[in-house]
C-alpha atoms as a PDB file:
ATOM      1  CA  MET A   1    -134.145 -56.691 124.686  1.00  0.00           C
ATOM      2  CA  ASN A   2    -132.413 -53.599 125.944  1.00  0.00           C
ATOM      3  CA  PRO A   3    -130.718 -51.593 123.200  1.00  0.00           C
ATOM      4  CA  MET A   4    -126.936 -51.295 123.127  1.00  0.00           C
ATOM      5  CA  ASP A   5    -125.626 -48.868 120.559  1.00  0.00           C
ATOM      6  CA  PRO A   6    -121.980 -49.260 119.372  1.00  0.00           C
ATOM      7  CA  ASP A   7    -122.304 -46.001 117.433  1.00  0.00           C
ATOM      8  CA  ASN A   8    -122.574 -44.016 120.654  1.00  0.00           C
ATOM      9  CA  LYS A   9    -118.909 -43.315 121.492  1.00  0.00           C
ATOM     10  CA  GLU A  10    -116.687 -40.371 122.351  1.00  0.00           C
ATOM     11  CA  ASN A  11    -114.878 -39.015 120.301  1.00  0.00           C
ATOM     12  CA  LYS A  12     -83.151 -52.946 111.248  1.00  0.00           C
ATOM     13  CA  ASN A  13     -38.979 -67.659  92.415  1.00  0.00           C
ATOM     14  CA  MET A  14     -36.143 -68.473  93.422  1.00  0.00           C
ATOM     15  CA  SER A  15     -33.376 -70.156  91.131  1.00  0.00           C
ATOM     16  CA  SER A  16     -30.189 -72.199  92.125  1.00  0.00           C
ATOM     17  CA  GLU A  17     -26.815 -72.219  90.258  1.00  0.00           C
ATOM     18  CA  GLY A  18     -23.932 -74.800  90.551  1.00  0.00           C
ATOM     19  CA  SER A  19     -20.610 -75.483  88.711  1.00  0.00           C
ATOM     20  CA  ASN A  20     -19.088 -78.889  87.884  1.00  0.00           C
ATOM     21  CA  PRO A  21     -15.233 -78.670  88.203  1.00  0.00           C
ATOM     22  CA  ALA A  22     -13.019 -80.542  85.616  1.00  0.00           C
ATOM     23  CA  PRO A  23     -11.335 -83.689  86.923  1.00  0.00           C
ATOM     24  CA  GLU A  24      -7.592 -83.391  87.838  1.00  0.00           C
ATOM     25  CA  VAL A  25      -5.155 -84.626  85.185  1.00  0.00           C
ATOM     26  CA  GLY A  26      -1.671 -85.705  86.366  1.00  0.00           C
ATOM     27  CA  SER A  27       1.680 -85.373  84.321  1.00  0.00           C
ATOM     28  CA  ASN A  28       3.206 -88.521  82.726  1.00  0.00           C
ATOM     29  CA  PRO A  29       7.069 -88.371  82.365  1.00  0.00           C
ATOM     30  CA  ALA A  30       8.576 -89.791  79.147  1.00  0.00           C
ATOM     31  CA  PRO A  31      10.956 -92.819  79.502  1.00  0.00           C
ATOM     32  CA  GLU A  32      14.688 -91.982  79.715  1.00  0.00           C
ATOM     33  CA  VAL A  33      16.677 -92.299  76.393  1.00  0.00           C
ATOM     34  CA  GLY A  34      20.407 -91.991  76.736  1.00  0.00           C
ATOM     35  CA  SER A  35      21.507 -89.222  78.887  1.00  0.00           C
ATOM     36  CA  ASN A  36      19.099 -86.647  77.723  1.00  0.00           C
ATOM     37  CA  PRO A  37      15.886 -86.809  79.468  1.00  0.00           C
ATOM     38  CA  ALA A  38      12.826 -86.112  77.408  1.00  0.00           C
ATOM     39  CA  PRO A  39      11.158 -82.911  78.216  1.00  0.00           C
ATOM     40  CA  SER A  40       8.178 -83.313  80.417  1.00  0.00           C
ATOM     41  CA  ASN A  41       4.885 -82.690  78.733  1.00  0.00           C
ATOM     42  CA  PRO A  42       2.594 -80.551  80.849  1.00  0.00           C
ATOM     43  CA  ALA A  43      -0.950 -81.616  81.160  1.00  0.00           C
ATOM     44  CA  PRO A  44      -3.257 -79.783  78.832  1.00  0.00           C
ATOM     45  CA  GLU A  45      -5.421 -77.237  80.488  1.00  0.00           C
ATOM     46  CA  VAL A  46      -9.040 -78.257  80.659  1.00  0.00           C
ATOM     47  CA  GLU A  47     -11.564 -75.484  80.866  1.00  0.00           C
ATOM     48  CA  SER A  48     -14.157 -75.732  83.507  1.00  0.00           C
ATOM     49  CA  ASN A  49     -17.688 -75.463  82.063  1.00  0.00           C
ATOM     50  CA  PRO A  50     -20.298 -74.489  84.576  1.00  0.00           C
ATOM     51  CA  ALA A  51     -23.523 -76.487  84.591  1.00  0.00           C
ATOM     52  CA  PRO A  52     -26.449 -74.711  83.038  1.00  0.00           C
ATOM     53  CA  SER A  53     -28.698 -72.923  85.448  1.00  0.00           C
ATOM     54  CA  THR A  54     -32.018 -74.741  85.978  1.00  0.00           C
ATOM     55  CA  PRO A  55     -34.762 -72.596  87.488  1.00  0.00           C
ATOM     56  CA  ALA A  56     -36.830 -74.165  90.229  1.00  0.00           C
ATOM     57  CA  PRO A  57     -40.474 -74.789  89.272  1.00  0.00           C
ATOM     58  CA  GLU A  58     -42.914 -72.161  90.422  1.00  0.00           C
ATOM     59  CA  ALA A  59     -44.993 -73.120  93.438  1.00  0.00           C
ATOM     60  CA  PRO A  60     -48.768 -73.073  92.775  1.00  0.00           C
ATOM     61  CA  PRO A  61     -50.540 -70.066  94.338  1.00  0.00           C
ATOM     62  CA  ALA A  62     -52.143 -70.625  97.701  1.00  0.00           C
ATOM     63  CA  PRO A  63     -55.938 -71.070  97.429  1.00  0.00           C
ATOM     64  CA  VAL A  64     -57.999 -68.079  98.448  1.00  0.00           C
ATOM     65  CA  VAL A  65     -60.170 -68.920 101.444  1.00  0.00           C
ATOM     66  CA  GLU A  66     -63.204 -66.705 101.836  1.00  0.00           C
ATOM     67  CA  THR A  67     -64.190 -65.882 105.375  1.00  0.00           C
ATOM     68  CA  PRO A  68     -67.905 -66.534 105.801  1.00  0.00           C
ATOM     69  CA  VAL A  69     -69.926 -63.491 106.736  1.00  0.00           C
ATOM     70  CA  ALA A  70     -72.152 -63.892 109.758  1.00  0.00           C
ATOM     71  CA  ALA A  71     -75.825 -63.650 108.930  1.00  0.00           C
ATOM     72  CA  GLU A  72     -77.595 -60.553 110.161  1.00  0.00           C
ATOM     73  CA  LYS A  73     -80.005 -61.166 112.996  1.00  0.00           C
ATOM     74  CA  THR A  74     -81.786 -57.885 113.117  1.00  0.00           C
ATOM     75  CA  LEU A  75     -84.764 -59.139 111.144  1.00  0.00           C
ATOM     76  CA  ALA A  76     -86.525 -62.437 110.785  1.00  0.00           C
ATOM     77  CA  THR A  77     -87.856 -63.178 107.300  1.00  0.00           C
ATOM     78  CA  THR A  78     -90.643 -65.378 106.049  1.00  0.00           C
ATOM     79  CA  ALA A  79     -91.539 -65.877 102.414  1.00  0.00           C
ATOM     80  CA  ASP A  80     -95.165 -66.162 101.508  1.00  0.00           C
ATOM     81  CA  GLU A  81     -95.891 -69.036  99.093  1.00  0.00           C
ATOM     82  CA  ASP A  82     -98.029 -66.800  96.911  1.00  0.00           C
ATOM     83  CA  ASN A  83     -95.860 -63.730  97.247  1.00  0.00           C
ATOM     84  CA  ASP A  84     -92.211 -63.413  96.192  1.00  0.00           C
ATOM     85  CA  GLU A  85     -91.733 -60.491  98.533  1.00  0.00           C
ATOM     86  CA  PRO A  86     -90.894 -61.719 102.057  1.00  0.00           C
ATOM     87  CA  GLU A  87     -92.572 -60.387 105.112  1.00  0.00           C
ATOM     88  CA  MET A  88     -90.249 -58.744 107.605  1.00  0.00           C
ATOM     89  CA  PHE A  89     -90.741 -59.109 111.318  1.00  0.00           C
ATOM     90  CA  ASP A  90     -89.068 -57.292 114.119  1.00  0.00           C
ATOM     91  CA  ALA A  91     -86.014 -58.973 115.671  1.00  0.00           C
ATOM     92  CA  SER A  92     -87.640 -58.761 119.076  1.00  0.00           C
ATOM     93  CA  ARG A  93     -90.483 -60.948 117.781  1.00  0.00           C
ATOM     94  CA  PRO A  94     -88.866 -63.529 115.422  1.00  0.00           C
ATOM     95  CA  GLU A  95     -91.242 -65.780 113.576  1.00  0.00           C
ATOM     96  CA  GLU A  96     -89.983 -69.005 115.141  1.00  0.00           C
ATOM     97  CA  ARG A  97     -91.119 -67.803 118.549  1.00  0.00           C
ATOM     98  CA  PHE A  98     -94.773 -68.153 117.587  1.00  0.00           C
ATOM     99  CA  ASN A  99     -97.096 -71.091 117.168  1.00  0.00           C
ATOM    100  CA  LYS A 100     -98.646 -69.614 114.041  1.00  0.00           C
ATOM    101  CA  VAL A 101    -102.077 -70.446 112.715  1.00  0.00           C
ATOM    102  CA  SER A 102    -103.467 -69.548 109.304  1.00  0.00           C
ATOM    103  CA  GLN A 103    -106.876 -68.888 107.851  1.00  0.00           C
ATOM    104  CA  GLY A 104    -108.963 -72.060 107.941  1.00  0.00           C
ATOM    105  CA  ASP A 105    -106.957 -73.705 110.742  1.00  0.00           C
ATOM    106  CA  THR A 106    -108.629 -75.179 113.800  1.00  0.00           C
ATOM    107  CA  VAL A 107    -106.850 -75.249 117.147  1.00  0.00           C
ATOM    108  CA  GLU A 108    -107.771 -77.594 119.999  1.00  0.00           C
ATOM    109  CA  LEU A 109    -107.059 -75.462 123.058  1.00  0.00           C
ATOM    110  CA  LEU A 110    -106.713 -78.294 125.575  1.00  0.00           C
ATOM    111  CA  GLU A 111    -104.058 -79.984 123.392  1.00  0.00           C
ATOM    112  CA  LEU A 112    -101.948 -76.860 123.786  1.00  0.00           C
ATOM    113  CA  ALA A 113    -102.765 -76.277 127.445  1.00  0.00           C
ATOM    114  CA  PRO A 114    -104.539 -79.206 129.187  1.00  0.00           C
ATOM    115  CA  GLN A 115    -105.169 -77.127 132.310  1.00  0.00           C
ATOM    116  CA  LEU A 116    -106.390 -74.030 130.488  1.00  0.00           C
ATOM    117  CA  LYS A 117    -108.963 -72.074 132.412  1.00  0.00           C
ATOM    118  CA  LYS A 118    -108.443 -68.403 131.678  1.00  0.00           C
ATOM    119  CA  GLY A 119    -107.118 -67.019 128.429  1.00  0.00           C
ATOM    120  CA  ILE A 120    -106.036 -63.573 127.312  1.00  0.00           C
ATOM    121  CA  VAL A 121    -107.151 -62.656 123.808  1.00  0.00           C
ATOM    122  CA  GLY A 122    -104.710 -59.981 122.631  1.00  0.00           C
ATOM    123  CA  VAL A 123    -105.222 -58.084 119.379  1.00  0.00           C
ATOM    124  CA  GLY A 124    -102.717 -55.680 117.819  1.00  0.00           C
ATOM    125  CA  TRP A 125    -102.487 -53.522 114.697  1.00  0.00           C
ATOM    126  CA  ASP A 126    -100.648 -50.572 113.124  1.00  0.00           C
ATOM    127  CA  LEU A 127    -102.188 -47.623 111.307  1.00  0.00           C
ATOM    128  CA  ILE A 128    -100.659 -45.996 108.219  1.00  0.00           C
ATOM    129  CA  GLY A 129    -101.414 -42.999 106.039  1.00  0.00           C
ATOM    130  CA  PHE A 130    -102.884 -40.711 108.682  1.00  0.00           C
ATOM    131  CA  ASP A 131    -101.552 -37.178 109.058  1.00  0.00           C
ATOM    132  CA  GLU A 132    -104.037 -35.990 111.645  1.00  0.00           C
ATOM    133  CA  SER A 133    -106.874 -38.005 113.118  1.00  0.00           C
ATOM    134  CA  ALA A 134    -106.222 -41.765 112.957  1.00  0.00           C
ATOM    135  CA  ALA A 135    -108.848 -44.453 112.587  1.00  0.00           C
ATOM    136  CA  ASP A 136    -110.215 -45.899 115.805  1.00  0.00           C
ATOM    137  CA  LEU A 137    -110.350 -49.721 115.847  1.00  0.00           C
ATOM    138  CA  ASP A 138    -112.314 -51.798 118.324  1.00  0.00           C
ATOM    139  CA  VAL A 139    -112.122 -55.427 119.476  1.00  0.00           C
ATOM    140  CA  SER A 140    -115.438 -57.016 120.423  1.00  0.00           C
ATOM    141  CA  LEU A 141    -116.818 -60.409 121.495  1.00  0.00           C
ATOM    142  CA  PHE A 142    -120.190 -61.980 120.797  1.00  0.00           C
ATOM    143  CA  LEU A 143    -121.412 -64.890 122.934  1.00  0.00           C
ATOM    144  CA  LEU A 144    -123.748 -66.938 120.723  1.00  0.00           C
ATOM    145  CA  ASP A 145    -126.173 -69.775 121.251  1.00  0.00           C
ATOM    146  CA  LYS A 146    -126.757 -72.781 118.965  1.00  0.00           C
ATOM    147  CA  ASN A 147    -128.672 -70.496 116.580  1.00  0.00           C
ATOM    148  CA  ASP A 148    -125.745 -68.057 116.289  1.00  0.00           C
ATOM    149  CA  GLN A 149    -127.658 -65.425 118.233  1.00  0.00           C
ATOM    150  CA  THR A 150    -126.872 -63.515 121.410  1.00  0.00           C
ATOM    151  CA  ARG A 151    -129.066 -64.514 124.345  1.00  0.00           C
ATOM    152  CA  GLU A 152    -129.136 -61.104 126.035  1.00  0.00           C
ATOM    153  CA  ASP A 153    -127.537 -57.684 125.849  1.00  0.00           C
ATOM    154  CA  GLU A 154    -124.623 -58.702 128.080  1.00  0.00           C
ATOM    155  CA  ASP A 155    -123.522 -61.266 125.443  1.00  0.00           C
ATOM    156  CA  PHE A 156    -122.166 -58.336 123.404  1.00  0.00           C
ATOM    157  CA  VAL A 157    -118.783 -57.336 124.949  1.00  0.00           C
ATOM    158  CA  PHE A 158    -117.303 -54.121 123.532  1.00  0.00           C
ATOM    159  CA  TYR A 159    -116.160 -50.628 124.537  1.00  0.00           C
ATOM    160  CA  GLY A 160    -119.680 -49.886 125.810  1.00  0.00           C
ATOM    161  CA  ASN A 161    -119.986 -53.086 127.863  1.00  0.00           C
ATOM    162  CA  LEU A 162    -116.541 -54.097 129.196  1.00  0.00           C
ATOM    163  CA  GLU A 163    -117.597 -56.879 131.552  1.00  0.00           C
ATOM    164  CA  THR A 164    -120.049 -59.751 131.668  1.00  0.00           C
ATOM    165  CA  LEU A 165    -120.695 -63.027 133.502  1.00  0.00           C
ATOM    166  CA  ASP A 166    -119.743 -61.363 136.779  1.00  0.00           C
ATOM    167  CA  GLY A 167    -116.197 -60.686 135.516  1.00  0.00           C
ATOM    168  CA  GLY A 168    -115.855 -63.999 133.677  1.00  0.00           C
ATOM    169  CA  ILE A 169    -115.161 -61.931 130.571  1.00  0.00           C
ATOM    170  CA  ASN A 170    -113.350 -58.631 130.971  1.00  0.00           C
ATOM    171  CA  HIS A 171    -112.398 -56.130 128.248  1.00  0.00           C
ATOM    172  CA  SER A 172    -109.281 -53.954 128.818  1.00  0.00           C
ATOM    173  CA  GLY A 173    -110.967 -50.928 127.283  1.00  0.00           C
ATOM    174  CA  ASP A 174    -110.742 -48.889 124.113  1.00  0.00           C
ATOM    175  CA  SER A 175    -107.392 -48.028 122.462  1.00  0.00           C
ATOM    176  CA  ARG A 176    -108.078 -45.205 120.043  1.00  0.00           C
ATOM    177  CA  SER A 177    -104.601 -44.714 118.512  1.00  0.00           C
ATOM    178  CA  GLY A 178    -103.122 -48.182 117.807  1.00  0.00           C
ATOM    179  CA  ALA A 179     -99.760 -46.676 118.817  1.00  0.00           C
ATOM    180  CA  GLY A 180     -96.828 -48.607 120.305  1.00  0.00           C
ATOM    181  CA  SER A 181     -95.856 -52.277 120.162  1.00  0.00           C
ATOM    182  CA  GLY A 182     -97.705 -55.249 121.621  1.00  0.00           C
ATOM    183  CA  ASP A 183    -101.425 -55.716 122.092  1.00  0.00           C
ATOM    184  CA  ASP A 184    -103.631 -52.717 121.506  1.00  0.00           C
ATOM    185  CA  GLU A 185    -106.624 -54.264 123.247  1.00  0.00           C
ATOM    186  CA  GLN A 186    -107.094 -57.385 125.370  1.00  0.00           C
ATOM    187  CA  ILE A 187    -110.049 -59.411 126.589  1.00  0.00           C
ATOM    188  CA  ILE A 188    -109.756 -61.971 129.400  1.00  0.00           C
ATOM    189  CA  ILE A 189    -112.008 -65.001 129.051  1.00  0.00           C
ATOM    190  CA  ASP A 190    -112.616 -67.469 131.880  1.00  0.00           C
ATOM    191  CA  PHE A 191    -113.711 -70.496 129.851  1.00  0.00           C
ATOM    192  CA  SER A 192    -114.764 -72.327 133.001  1.00  0.00           C
ATOM    193  CA  VAL A 193    -117.667 -69.952 133.644  1.00  0.00           C
ATOM    194  CA  ILE A 194    -119.135 -69.747 130.145  1.00  0.00           C
ATOM    195  CA  PRO A 195    -122.747 -71.020 130.286  1.00  0.00           C
ATOM    196  CA  PHE A 196    -123.364 -74.284 128.424  1.00  0.00           C
ATOM    197  CA  ASP A 197    -125.951 -72.703 126.187  1.00  0.00           C
ATOM    198  CA  VAL A 198    -123.199 -70.460 124.797  1.00  0.00           C
ATOM    199  CA  THR A 199    -121.731 -72.525 121.956  1.00  0.00           C
ATOM    200  CA  LYS A 200    -119.549 -69.892 120.243  1.00  0.00           C
ATOM    201  CA  ILE A 201    -117.530 -66.805 121.124  1.00  0.00           C
ATOM    202  CA  VAL A 202    -116.827 -64.681 118.036  1.00  0.00           C
ATOM    203  CA  VAL A 203    -113.895 -62.200 118.015  1.00  0.00           C
ATOM    204  CA  THR A 204    -114.219 -59.187 115.728  1.00  0.00           C
ATOM    205  CA  LEU A 205    -112.165 -56.097 114.850  1.00  0.00           C
ATOM    206  CA  THR A 206    -114.019 -53.105 113.439  1.00  0.00           C
ATOM    207  CA  ILE A 207    -113.443 -49.450 112.549  1.00  0.00           C
ATOM    208  CA  TYR A 208    -115.494 -46.958 114.502  1.00  0.00           C
ATOM    209  CA  ASP A 209    -117.884 -44.706 112.549  1.00  0.00           C
ATOM    210  CA  PRO A 210    -116.618 -45.796 109.097  1.00  0.00           C
ATOM    211  CA  ASP A 211    -119.369 -44.095 107.109  1.00  0.00           C
ATOM    212  CA  THR A 212    -118.764 -40.637 108.553  1.00  0.00           C
ATOM    213  CA  LYS A 213    -114.939 -40.677 108.533  1.00  0.00           C
ATOM    214  CA  GLY A 214    -114.434 -42.831 105.437  1.00  0.00           C
ATOM    215  CA  TYR A 215    -111.808 -45.079 107.041  1.00  0.00           C
ATOM    216  CA  SER A 216    -111.223 -48.702 105.985  1.00  0.00           C
ATOM    217  CA  PHE A 217    -108.733 -51.538 106.488  1.00  0.00           C
ATOM    218  CA  ASN A 218    -106.735 -50.166 103.533  1.00  0.00           C
ATOM    219  CA  ASN A 219    -104.974 -48.081 106.182  1.00  0.00           C
ATOM    220  CA  VAL A 220    -104.363 -50.918 108.638  1.00  0.00           C
ATOM    221  CA  ARG A 221    -101.336 -53.253 108.733  1.00  0.00           C
ATOM    222  CA  ASN A 222     -99.750 -55.903 110.985  1.00  0.00           C
ATOM    223  CA  VAL A 223    -103.035 -57.157 112.406  1.00  0.00           C
ATOM    224  CA  TYR A 224    -102.759 -60.192 114.658  1.00  0.00           C
ATOM    225  CA  MET A 225    -104.648 -62.032 117.354  1.00  0.00           C
ATOM    226  CA  ARG A 226    -102.964 -64.192 119.980  1.00  0.00           C
ATOM    227  CA  LEU A 227    -104.127 -66.359 122.863  1.00  0.00           C
ATOM    228  CA  GLU A 228    -102.168 -66.505 126.104  1.00  0.00           C
ATOM    229  CA  ASP A 229    -102.697 -68.868 129.030  1.00  0.00           C
ATOM    230  CA  LYS A 230    -103.352 -66.436 131.868  1.00  0.00           C
ATOM    231  CA  ASP A 231    -102.878 -69.083 134.573  1.00  0.00           C
ATOM    232  CA  LYS A 232     -99.231 -69.647 133.590  1.00  0.00           C
ATOM    233  CA  ASP A 233     -96.587 -67.697 135.515  1.00  0.00           C
ATOM    234  CA  THR A 234     -94.511 -67.678 132.324  1.00  0.00           C
ATOM    235  CA  GLU A 235     -97.361 -66.044 130.414  1.00  0.00           C
ATOM    236  CA  GLN A 236     -97.290 -68.850 127.845  1.00  0.00           C
ATOM    237  CA  GLU A 237     -98.556 -67.826 124.420  1.00  0.00           C
ATOM    238  CA  LEU A 238    -100.548 -70.673 122.882  1.00  0.00           C
ATOM    239  CA  PHE A 239    -100.864 -69.406 119.310  1.00  0.00           C
ATOM    240  CA  ARG A 240    -100.790 -66.292 117.158  1.00  0.00           C
ATOM    241  CA  TYR A 241    -102.813 -65.537 114.040  1.00  0.00           C
ATOM    242  CA  PHE A 242    -101.338 -62.967 111.615  1.00  0.00           C
ATOM    243  CA  LEU A 243    -103.967 -61.486 109.288  1.00  0.00           C
ATOM    244  CA  ASP A 244    -102.070 -59.322 106.791  1.00  0.00           C
ATOM    245  CA  LYS A 245    -102.542 -61.922 104.044  1.00  0.00           C
ATOM    246  CA  GLU A 246    -106.291 -61.748 104.554  1.00  0.00           C
ATOM    247  CA  LEU A 247    -106.234 -57.947 104.397  1.00  0.00           C
ATOM    248  CA  LYS A 248    -104.425 -58.119 101.022  1.00  0.00           C
ATOM    249  CA  ALA A 249    -107.103 -60.437  99.638  1.00  0.00           C
ATOM    250  CA  VAL A 250    -110.145 -58.244 100.238  1.00  0.00           C
ATOM    251  CA  PRO A 251    -113.179 -59.335  98.190  1.00  0.00           C
ATOM    252  CA  LYS A 252    -113.446 -57.070  95.154  1.00  0.00           C
ATOM    253  CA  ASP A 253    -117.200 -56.744  95.539  1.00  0.00           C
ATOM    254  CA  ILE A 254    -116.851 -54.778  98.786  1.00  0.00           C
ATOM    255  CA  VAL A 255    -116.525 -51.315  97.266  1.00  0.00           C
ATOM    256  CA  ASN A 256    -118.123 -47.918  97.784  1.00  0.00           C
ATOM    257  CA  ASP A 257    -119.694 -45.499  95.298  1.00  0.00           C
ATOM    258  CA  THR A 258    -116.253 -44.392  94.034  1.00  0.00           C
ATOM    259  CA  ASN A 259    -115.146 -48.021  93.499  1.00  0.00           C
ATOM    260  CA  GLU A 260    -112.813 -47.949  96.490  1.00  0.00           C
ATOM    261  CA  LEU A 261    -112.500 -50.916  98.841  1.00  0.00           C
ATOM    262  CA  CYS A 262    -114.518 -50.161 101.957  1.00  0.00           C
ATOM    263  CA  VAL A 263    -113.830 -53.078 104.275  1.00  0.00           C
ATOM    264  CA  ASN A 264    -114.280 -51.880 107.831  1.00  0.00           C
ATOM    265  CA  ALA A 265    -115.154 -55.087 109.686  1.00  0.00           C
ATOM    266  CA  LEU A 266    -113.072 -58.213 110.283  1.00  0.00           C
ATOM    267  CA  TYR A 267    -114.251 -61.514 111.747  1.00  0.00           C
ATOM    268  CA  ILE A 268    -110.932 -62.651 113.254  1.00  0.00           C
ATOM    269  CA  GLY A 269    -111.993 -66.022 114.642  1.00  0.00           C
ATOM    270  CA  CYS A 270    -114.378 -68.043 116.735  1.00  0.00           C
ATOM    271  CA  PHE A 271    -114.005 -70.121 119.904  1.00  0.00           C
ATOM    272  CA  ARG A 272    -116.323 -73.090 119.434  1.00  0.00           C
ATOM    273  CA  ARG A 273    -117.486 -75.341 122.252  1.00  0.00           C
ATOM    274  CA  ASP A 274    -116.726 -79.066 121.853  1.00  0.00           C
ATOM    275  CA  ALA A 275    -118.185 -80.830 124.877  1.00  0.00           C
ATOM    276  CA  ASN A 276    -115.953 -79.705 127.768  1.00  0.00           C
ATOM    277  CA  SER A 277    -113.294 -78.282 125.482  1.00  0.00           C
ATOM    278  CA  TRP A 278    -112.955 -75.327 123.150  1.00  0.00           C
ATOM    279  CA  ILE A 279    -111.703 -75.169 119.560  1.00  0.00           C
ATOM    280  CA  PHE A 280    -110.518 -71.985 117.837  1.00  0.00           C
ATOM    281  CA  ASP A 281    -111.439 -71.508 114.168  1.00  0.00           C
ATOM    282  CA  ALA A 282    -109.284 -68.972 112.286  1.00  0.00           C
ATOM    283  CA  LEU A 283    -111.834 -67.155 110.117  1.00  0.00           C
ATOM    284  CA  GLY A 284    -110.192 -64.040 108.646  1.00  0.00           C
ATOM    285  CA  GLU A 285    -113.414 -62.941 106.952  1.00  0.00           C
ATOM    286  CA  MET A 286    -113.925 -59.351 105.776  1.00  0.00           C
ATOM    287  CA  ASP A 287    -117.128 -57.321 105.669  1.00  0.00           C
ATOM    288  CA  GLU A 288    -118.454 -53.782 105.437  1.00  0.00           C
ATOM    289  CA  GLY A 289    -120.911 -51.959 107.623  1.00  0.00           C
ATOM    290  CA  GLY A 290    -118.936 -51.800 110.851  1.00  0.00           C
ATOM    291  CA  LEU A 291    -119.778 -53.069 114.312  1.00  0.00           C
ATOM    292  CA  ALA A 292    -123.437 -52.110 114.188  1.00  0.00           C
ATOM    293  CA  LYS A 293    -124.046 -54.405 111.219  1.00  0.00           C
ATOM    294  CA  ILE A 294    -122.373 -57.369 112.969  1.00  0.00           C
ATOM    295  CA  ALA A 295    -124.284 -56.740 116.186  1.00  0.00           C
ATOM    296  CA  THR A 296    -127.568 -56.654 114.293  1.00  0.00           C
ATOM    297  CA  LYS A 297    -126.665 -59.914 112.512  1.00  0.00           C
ATOM    298  CA  TYR A 298    -126.199 -61.564 115.906  1.00  0.00           C
ATOM    299  CA  GLY A 299    -129.546 -60.437 117.276  1.00  0.00           C
ATOM    300  CA  MET A 300    -128.753 -57.155 118.996  1.00  0.00           C
ATOM    301  CA  VAL A 301    -131.178 -54.228 118.723  1.00  0.00           C
ATOM    302  CA  ILE A 302    -129.118 -51.187 117.703  1.00  0.00           C
ATOM    303  CA  GLY A 303    -130.202 -47.567 117.735  1.00  0.00           C
ATOM    304  CA  ALA A 304    -133.537 -48.051 119.514  1.00  0.00           C
ATOM    305  CA  SER A 305    -134.516 -45.772 122.346  1.00  0.00           C
END
């Protein structure tokens, strides 16, 4: 088998008042006696007593109606069941837009896209904590047989071998910075041309030269993998797998000599053949040793002349 060496690489109140008047009293003349008329008796004056003032009852205060405040739409939030702190996603990529899968899920590709032929595997990430030289991450594919081994050198698709199966699988090339939004690296897979003795296609994400530079996934965030139906004019995304939860749950036994976590390899997932269909298994498994260790595990000869 010809050697292929992944280590060989360039370097968001009012009141109302009223009065009740006294009734009118008329004068009653006395009967006449002889010739002297009796003096007329004037009606006694009756004082007018005004009715007591009765204040009108106070009207109850009008209820205070609070105007609802419109919810902010700059960020979409999801709460993790095991974590009280919500994850924040960019408004341009709200969570409900994605058909999300989680670690351990299996996805039947033809149920999502019955006419699927070509797919775009897009992987993205962000780097943190680097003042000068940032870590260089690489997406790779391994085409495996029923024994979980590569059949030939061309079954290892990476920055040193960008194309195989006469263009049936095509790697976009190496992104060394992880800068910007969207996919950092992409690989196009034409499922219709994969040989029948290839039963699995494993997708990995690794850090280049981890032993020399001392980089690990402790400095990587917002890792995801998505699959897009390339034959659709609408560029339909079939699913997206976010891996930050997996990165927070790194096995404690993967440490270096100074007891620091040294994870530098991630098995993202595996496309598994099922007769004439393909199933995606979301793995999210961590490891140390980098790309060379994975390649050796899958039968590649690394470092030989």
